Amino acid sequence: MNGTRTTPPRPVDIAAVFPDLVPLARPAVRLHPRPGSPTVHDSSIGGPLLWPAQQPWLYCRIGHEWPHPLVPVAQLYARDIPLLRPPGRTDLLQVLWCPSEHVPDLNIPVELFWRTAADVTDVLAAPPEPFDADEDLYVPEPCVLAPEQITEYPNRLELPKELKQQIANPAPWRAAGIVVDDAYPEVLYDHALSHAPGWKIGGWAPWGLTDPVPRFCIACGSAMTPLLTIASSEWDSSSTSWIPYEDRVPGASEDGWSNPPEVTVLDANHIQLYACPASGGHPHTDLVQ
């Protein structure tokens, strides 16, 4: 683990200003990946996986002249991130993907595995190395984590119509003594009060590339919920209020952006994996935003 990271309190208690947001609050866990040397026994981004020696490695055969080995994206132990809520007796989530974009829909084949760590007694010593990756944009640098639970609210595009109109009206903000841009009061909500940037578990979707689209499990029809958000940055110049205290350097500018895993989702900002809340064994789906 990577010590601790602490997100500053939000500049506004948004649920006090708009009480209709209260039932829409969701927990999320910011993973705070930072460069390190994780082992197979650690939660990590881009680190080595606790992979059984007897289990064949996974390869992508879609659109390639020869099979491409998948690369580790994330390994997350439930002991570090209770919000994972793994199915059955499993306690470990592993995520791998093909490090190449598959045009035309920017689809990136992703595989998820739930494991019981204690069952893996013989670990694969030398997984295959990635090759022919898209300029390494999809091969995460090994990072250790500092999970931190926060509260999120929906992207403004996903709010009920009346609540969306309230947030876009400067009057309730002013009545609460909050200074906002009268022309665009919703900008404060979008950038600092709704959902956190960066890699995280749970929370809400970062809509923007498309309008919100409900996602349903193909096995049982349940509404799916965000599992893991894979981000092109931990923060940028529009989301500096989310920079943890531990990453703030006195006197330094907060312009620019931070991307410790060095993953860049081309033509988008995030890939978000969704899981079925009814069963961890049901197929996952993903969302590019």
Protein backbone atom coordinates (compact mmCIF):
# COMPACT_ATOMS: atom_id res chain seq x y z
CA MET A 1 0.00 0.00 0.00
CA ASN A 2 1.05 3.59 -0.59
CA GLY A 3 0.54 5.29 2.77
CA THR A 4 -2.53 7.49 2.74
CA ARG A 5 -4.08 10.06 0.45
CA THR A 6 -6.69 12.49 1.78
CA THR A 7 -9.15 14.30 -0.45
CA PRO A 8 -9.89 17.82 0.87
CA PRO A 9 -13.49 18.46 1.98
CA ARG A 10 -15.67 19.65 -0.87
CA PRO A 11 -15.82 23.44 -1.11
CA VAL A 12 -19.61 23.28 -0.68
CA ASP A 13 -21.90 20.90 1.22
CA ILE A 14 -23.92 20.36 -1.92
CA ALA A 15 -26.51 18.09 -0.27
CA ALA A 16 -27.34 20.88 2.18
CA VAL A 17 -27.95 23.29 -0.69
CA PHE A 18 -29.91 20.77 -2.75
CA PRO A 19 -31.47 18.20 -0.37
CA ASP A 20 -32.89 16.20 -3.28
CA LEU A 21 -29.33 14.99 -3.88
CA VAL A 22 -29.22 13.13 -0.56
CA PRO A 23 -30.81 9.86 -1.78
CA LEU A 24 -28.53 9.92 -4.84
CA ALA A 25 -25.29 9.79 -2.83
CA ARG A 26 -23.06 6.79 -3.53
CA PRO A 27 -19.84 5.60 -1.94
CA ALA A 28 -16.74 5.45 -4.11
CA VAL A 29 -13.14 4.52 -3.36
CA ARG A 30 -10.41 6.61 -4.93
CA LEU A 31 -7.49 4.27 -5.57
CA HIS A 32 -4.79 6.97 -5.76
CA PRO A 33 -2.27 4.95 -7.83
CA ARG A 34 1.31 6.18 -7.43
CA PRO A 35 4.56 4.73 -8.86
CA GLY A 36 5.92 1.82 -6.84
CA SER A 37 7.03 -1.80 -6.83
CA PRO A 38 3.96 -3.89 -5.98
CA THR A 39 4.17 -7.67 -5.61
CA VAL A 40 1.62 -10.35 -6.46
CA HIS A 41 0.35 -10.05 -2.87
CA ASP A 42 -0.44 -6.33 -3.19
CA SER A 43 -3.34 -4.38 -4.60
CA SER A 44 -1.95 -2.50 -7.58
CA ILE A 45 -2.46 -0.86 -10.94
CA GLY A 46 -0.22 -2.39 -13.61
CA GLY A 47 1.53 -4.65 -11.10
CA PRO A 48 2.13 -8.43 -11.21
CA LEU A 49 -0.88 -10.70 -10.76
CA LEU A 50 -1.42 -13.57 -8.37
CA TRP A 51 -1.97 -15.85 -11.39
CA PRO A 52 -2.10 -19.64 -10.99
CA ALA A 53 0.81 -21.37 -12.76
CA GLN A 54 -1.57 -24.03 -14.08
CA GLN A 55 -3.94 -21.50 -15.66
CA PRO A 56 -3.07 -20.53 -19.26
CA TRP A 57 -2.42 -16.84 -19.83
CA LEU A 58 -5.02 -14.93 -21.83
CA TYR A 59 -4.49 -13.70 -25.38
CA CYS A 60 -6.46 -11.43 -27.69
CA ARG A 61 -7.15 -12.88 -31.12
CA ILE A 62 -9.43 -10.12 -32.41
CA GLY A 63 -8.04 -8.17 -35.36
CA HIS A 64 -4.41 -9.31 -34.91
CA GLU A 65 -2.19 -11.30 -37.25
CA TRP A 66 -1.09 -13.33 -34.24
CA PRO A 67 -2.44 -13.57 -30.66
CA HIS A 68 -1.49 -10.70 -28.37
CA PRO A 69 -1.01 -11.37 -24.64
CA LEU A 70 -3.32 -9.39 -22.39
CA VAL A 71 -1.63 -7.07 -19.90
CA PRO A 72 -2.46 -6.59 -16.20
CA VAL A 73 -4.53 -3.47 -15.53
CA ALA A 74 -5.54 -3.88 -11.90
CA GLN A 75 -5.31 -6.30 -9.00
CA LEU A 76 -7.54 -5.42 -6.06
CA TYR A 77 -7.80 -7.30 -2.75
CA ALA A 78 -11.05 -7.00 -0.84
CA ARG A 79 -9.06 -6.57 2.40
CA ASP A 80 -7.89 -3.22 1.00
CA ILE A 81 -11.14 -2.21 -0.68
CA PRO A 82 -14.22 -3.58 1.15
CA LEU A 83 -16.49 -1.71 -1.29
CA LEU A 84 -15.59 -4.37 -3.89
CA ARG A 85 -18.07 -6.80 -2.31
CA PRO A 86 -16.65 -9.89 -4.10
CA PRO A 87 -19.00 -12.81 -4.88
CA GLY A 88 -19.00 -15.96 -2.77
CA ARG A 89 -15.74 -16.71 -0.97
CA THR A 90 -13.59 -14.80 -3.47
CA ASP A 91 -11.48 -11.92 -2.20
CA LEU A 92 -9.46 -10.76 -5.21
CA LEU A 93 -10.37 -8.96 -8.44
CA GLN A 94 -8.01 -9.07 -11.42
CA VAL A 95 -8.49 -7.01 -14.58
CA LEU A 96 -6.58 -7.51 -17.85
CA TRP A 97 -7.00 -6.05 -21.31
CA CYS A 98 -5.57 -6.02 -24.81
CA PRO A 99 -3.16 -3.07 -25.08
CA SER A 100 -4.45 -2.10 -28.52
CA GLU A 101 -7.55 -0.19 -29.52
CA HIS A 102 -9.97 -2.09 -31.71
CA VAL A 103 -11.47 0.28 -34.26
CA PRO A 104 -13.97 1.57 -35.17
CA ASP A 105 -15.71 1.63 -31.79
CA LEU A 106 -12.67 2.10 -29.50
CA ASN A 107 -13.47 -1.27 -27.98
CA ILE A 108 -10.69 -2.71 -25.83
CA PRO A 109 -11.20 -6.39 -24.91
CA VAL A 110 -11.26 -6.60 -21.11
CA GLU A 111 -11.24 -9.72 -18.90
CA LEU A 112 -12.26 -9.80 -15.21
CA PHE A 113 -11.44 -12.56 -12.74
CA TRP A 114 -12.68 -13.00 -9.18
CA ARG A 115 -10.34 -15.28 -7.23
CA THR A 116 -9.80 -16.66 -3.76
CA ALA A 117 -6.21 -15.68 -3.03
CA ALA A 118 -5.60 -18.57 -0.62
CA ASP A 119 -6.35 -21.04 -3.42
CA VAL A 120 -3.40 -19.81 -5.51
CA THR A 121 -0.46 -21.72 -4.07
CA ASP A 122 1.69 -21.98 -7.21
CA VAL A 123 2.06 -18.56 -8.86
CA LEU A 124 2.98 -18.07 -12.52
CA ALA A 125 6.58 -16.85 -12.42
CA ALA A 126 6.97 -15.25 -15.84
CA PRO A 127 3.82 -13.94 -17.57
CA PRO A 128 4.29 -13.10 -21.28
CA GLU A 129 5.55 -9.62 -22.06
CA PRO A 130 3.24 -7.25 -24.01
CA PHE A 131 4.14 -6.42 -27.58
CA ASP A 132 2.84 -4.26 -30.40
CA ALA A 133 1.02 -2.06 -27.90
CA ASP A 134 -0.39 1.31 -28.96
CA GLU A 135 2.65 3.38 -27.97
CA ASP A 136 2.41 1.86 -24.48
CA LEU A 137 -0.66 4.00 -23.80
CA TYR A 138 -2.49 0.89 -22.57
CA VAL A 139 0.34 -0.69 -20.56
CA PRO A 140 0.04 0.79 -17.05
CA GLU A 141 3.17 1.64 -15.14
CA PRO A 142 3.29 -0.39 -11.89
CA CYS A 143 1.60 1.59 -9.13
CA VAL A 144 0.83 0.96 -5.49
CA LEU A 145 -2.47 2.19 -4.07
CA ALA A 146 -3.80 4.27 -1.18
CA PRO A 147 -7.57 3.55 -1.21
CA GLU A 148 -9.78 6.27 0.23
CA GLN A 149 -13.58 6.17 0.50
CA ILE A 150 -15.51 9.29 -0.49
CA THR A 151 -19.10 10.21 -1.36
CA GLU A 152 -20.16 10.98 -4.92
CA TYR A 153 -23.23 12.41 -6.62
CA PRO A 154 -24.42 11.83 -10.19
CA ASN A 155 -23.03 13.60 -13.21
CA ARG A 156 -25.35 16.53 -13.93
CA LEU A 157 -26.49 14.85 -17.16
CA GLU A 158 -27.86 11.98 -15.09
CA LEU A 159 -29.87 14.09 -12.63
CA PRO A 160 -33.69 14.28 -12.67
CA LYS A 161 -34.88 17.18 -14.81
CA GLU A 162 -36.10 19.37 -11.92
CA LEU A 163 -32.89 18.92 -9.94
CA LYS A 164 -30.81 19.65 -13.00
CA GLN A 165 -32.72 22.91 -13.45
CA GLN A 166 -32.22 23.86 -9.80
CA ILE A 167 -28.45 23.39 -10.04
CA ALA A 168 -28.35 25.50 -13.21
CA ASN A 169 -30.19 28.34 -11.42
CA PRO A 170 -27.87 30.77 -9.55
CA ALA A 171 -30.60 31.75 -7.04
CA PRO A 172 -30.32 28.78 -4.62
CA TRP A 173 -26.54 29.04 -4.69
CA ARG A 174 -26.67 32.74 -3.81
CA ALA A 175 -29.26 32.06 -1.10
CA ALA A 176 -26.74 29.69 0.51
CA GLY A 177 -24.03 32.35 0.33
CA ILE A 178 -22.06 30.57 -2.39
CA VAL A 179 -20.34 32.59 -5.10
CA VAL A 180 -20.89 31.07 -8.56
CA ASP A 181 -20.79 32.24 -12.16
CA ASP A 182 -24.33 33.51 -12.68
CA ALA A 183 -24.24 32.35 -16.30
CA TYR A 184 -22.95 28.85 -15.51
CA PRO A 185 -23.48 28.01 -11.82
CA GLU A 186 -23.52 24.31 -12.68
CA VAL A 187 -19.79 24.36 -13.48
CA LEU A 188 -18.94 24.23 -9.77
CA TYR A 189 -21.10 21.14 -9.38
CA ASP A 190 -19.55 19.48 -12.42
CA HIS A 191 -15.92 20.07 -11.50
CA ALA A 192 -15.85 19.94 -7.71
CA LEU A 193 -19.03 18.53 -6.18
CA SER A 194 -20.33 15.55 -8.12
CA HIS A 195 -17.86 12.74 -8.90
CA ALA A 196 -14.13 12.50 -8.38
CA PRO A 197 -11.63 12.20 -11.23
CA GLY A 198 -9.11 9.38 -11.46
CA TRP A 199 -9.06 5.62 -10.88
CA LYS A 200 -11.75 4.47 -8.49
CA ILE A 201 -14.18 1.76 -7.40
CA GLY A 202 -17.94 2.35 -7.37
CA GLY A 203 -19.39 5.84 -7.51
CA TRP A 204 -21.07 7.34 -10.55
CA ALA A 205 -20.37 7.41 -14.28
CA PRO A 206 -18.37 10.27 -15.87
CA TRP A 207 -20.79 11.00 -18.70
CA GLY A 208 -19.93 13.63 -21.27
CA LEU A 209 -18.72 11.88 -24.40
CA THR A 210 -22.30 10.61 -24.76
CA ASP A 211 -25.57 11.22 -22.98
CA PRO A 212 -26.36 8.82 -20.13
CA VAL A 213 -27.48 5.38 -21.26
CA PRO A 214 -28.76 2.81 -18.73
CA ARG A 215 -26.78 -0.43 -18.71
CA PHE A 216 -28.50 -3.72 -17.95
CA CYS A 217 -27.16 -7.20 -17.26
CA ILE A 218 -27.61 -9.46 -20.26
CA ALA A 219 -28.04 -12.46 -17.92
CA CYS A 220 -30.78 -11.19 -15.60
CA GLY A 221 -31.79 -7.69 -16.68
CA SER A 222 -30.64 -5.96 -13.48
CA ALA A 223 -29.42 -2.37 -13.75
CA MET A 224 -25.62 -2.57 -13.68
CA THR A 225 -23.47 -0.38 -11.44
CA PRO A 226 -19.94 1.03 -11.88
CA LEU A 227 -17.22 -1.32 -10.69
CA LEU A 228 -13.87 0.14 -11.77
CA THR A 229 -13.10 3.45 -13.46
CA ILE A 230 -9.88 3.54 -15.49
CA ALA A 231 -8.86 7.14 -16.05
CA SER A 232 -6.49 9.07 -18.30
CA SER A 233 -5.64 11.40 -15.40
CA GLU A 234 -5.89 11.67 -11.63
CA TRP A 235 -6.77 15.34 -12.05
CA ASP A 236 -6.43 18.15 -14.56
CA SER A 237 -6.66 21.94 -14.50
CA SER A 238 -10.47 21.79 -14.12
CA SER A 239 -10.46 19.41 -11.15
CA THR A 240 -7.66 20.64 -8.90
CA SER A 241 -9.92 20.76 -5.84
CA TRP A 242 -9.70 16.95 -5.82
CA ILE A 243 -5.89 16.91 -5.44
CA PRO A 244 -5.12 15.09 -2.15
CA TYR A 245 -3.43 17.07 0.59
CA GLU A 246 -0.38 14.80 0.35
CA ASP A 247 0.14 15.71 -3.32
CA ARG A 248 -0.06 19.46 -2.87
CA VAL A 249 3.34 21.16 -3.09
CA PRO A 250 3.55 24.60 -1.41
CA GLY A 251 4.12 27.31 -3.95
CA ALA A 252 3.62 24.99 -6.92
CA SER A 253 1.04 25.68 -9.60
CA GLU A 254 -2.01 23.42 -9.67
CA ASP A 255 -2.34 23.78 -13.42
CA GLY A 256 -1.75 20.80 -15.64
CA TRP A 257 -2.60 17.21 -14.89
CA SER A 258 -1.37 14.06 -13.15
CA ASN A 259 -1.31 10.56 -14.62
CA PRO A 260 0.95 8.21 -12.57
CA PRO A 261 -0.10 4.96 -14.34
CA GLU A 262 0.58 6.67 -17.71
CA VAL A 263 -2.56 5.19 -19.26
CA THR A 264 -4.23 7.35 -21.89
CA VAL A 265 -7.62 6.40 -23.31
CA LEU A 266 -7.46 7.86 -26.80
CA ASP A 267 -10.42 10.02 -27.89
CA ALA A 268 -11.91 9.67 -24.39
CA ASN A 269 -11.06 10.20 -20.73
CA HIS A 270 -12.27 7.03 -19.05
CA ILE A 271 -13.11 3.40 -19.47
CA GLN A 272 -15.57 2.30 -16.82
CA LEU A 273 -16.30 -1.35 -16.09
CA TYR A 274 -19.80 -2.25 -14.90
CA ALA A 275 -20.86 -5.25 -12.82
CA CYS A 276 -24.21 -6.87 -12.13
CA PRO A 277 -25.24 -6.26 -8.49
CA ALA A 278 -27.28 -9.49 -8.51
CA SER A 279 -24.38 -11.84 -9.24
CA GLY A 280 -20.63 -11.48 -9.60
CA GLY A 281 -20.73 -14.41 -11.99
CA HIS A 282 -22.77 -12.52 -14.58
CA PRO A 283 -20.93 -10.93 -17.52
CA HIS A 284 -19.52 -7.45 -17.04
CA THR A 285 -19.83 -4.62 -19.53
CA ASP A 286 -17.86 -1.45 -20.14
CA LEU A 287 -18.36 2.18 -21.04
CA VAL A 288 -15.98 4.54 -22.84
CA GLN A 289 -16.42 8.21 -21.91
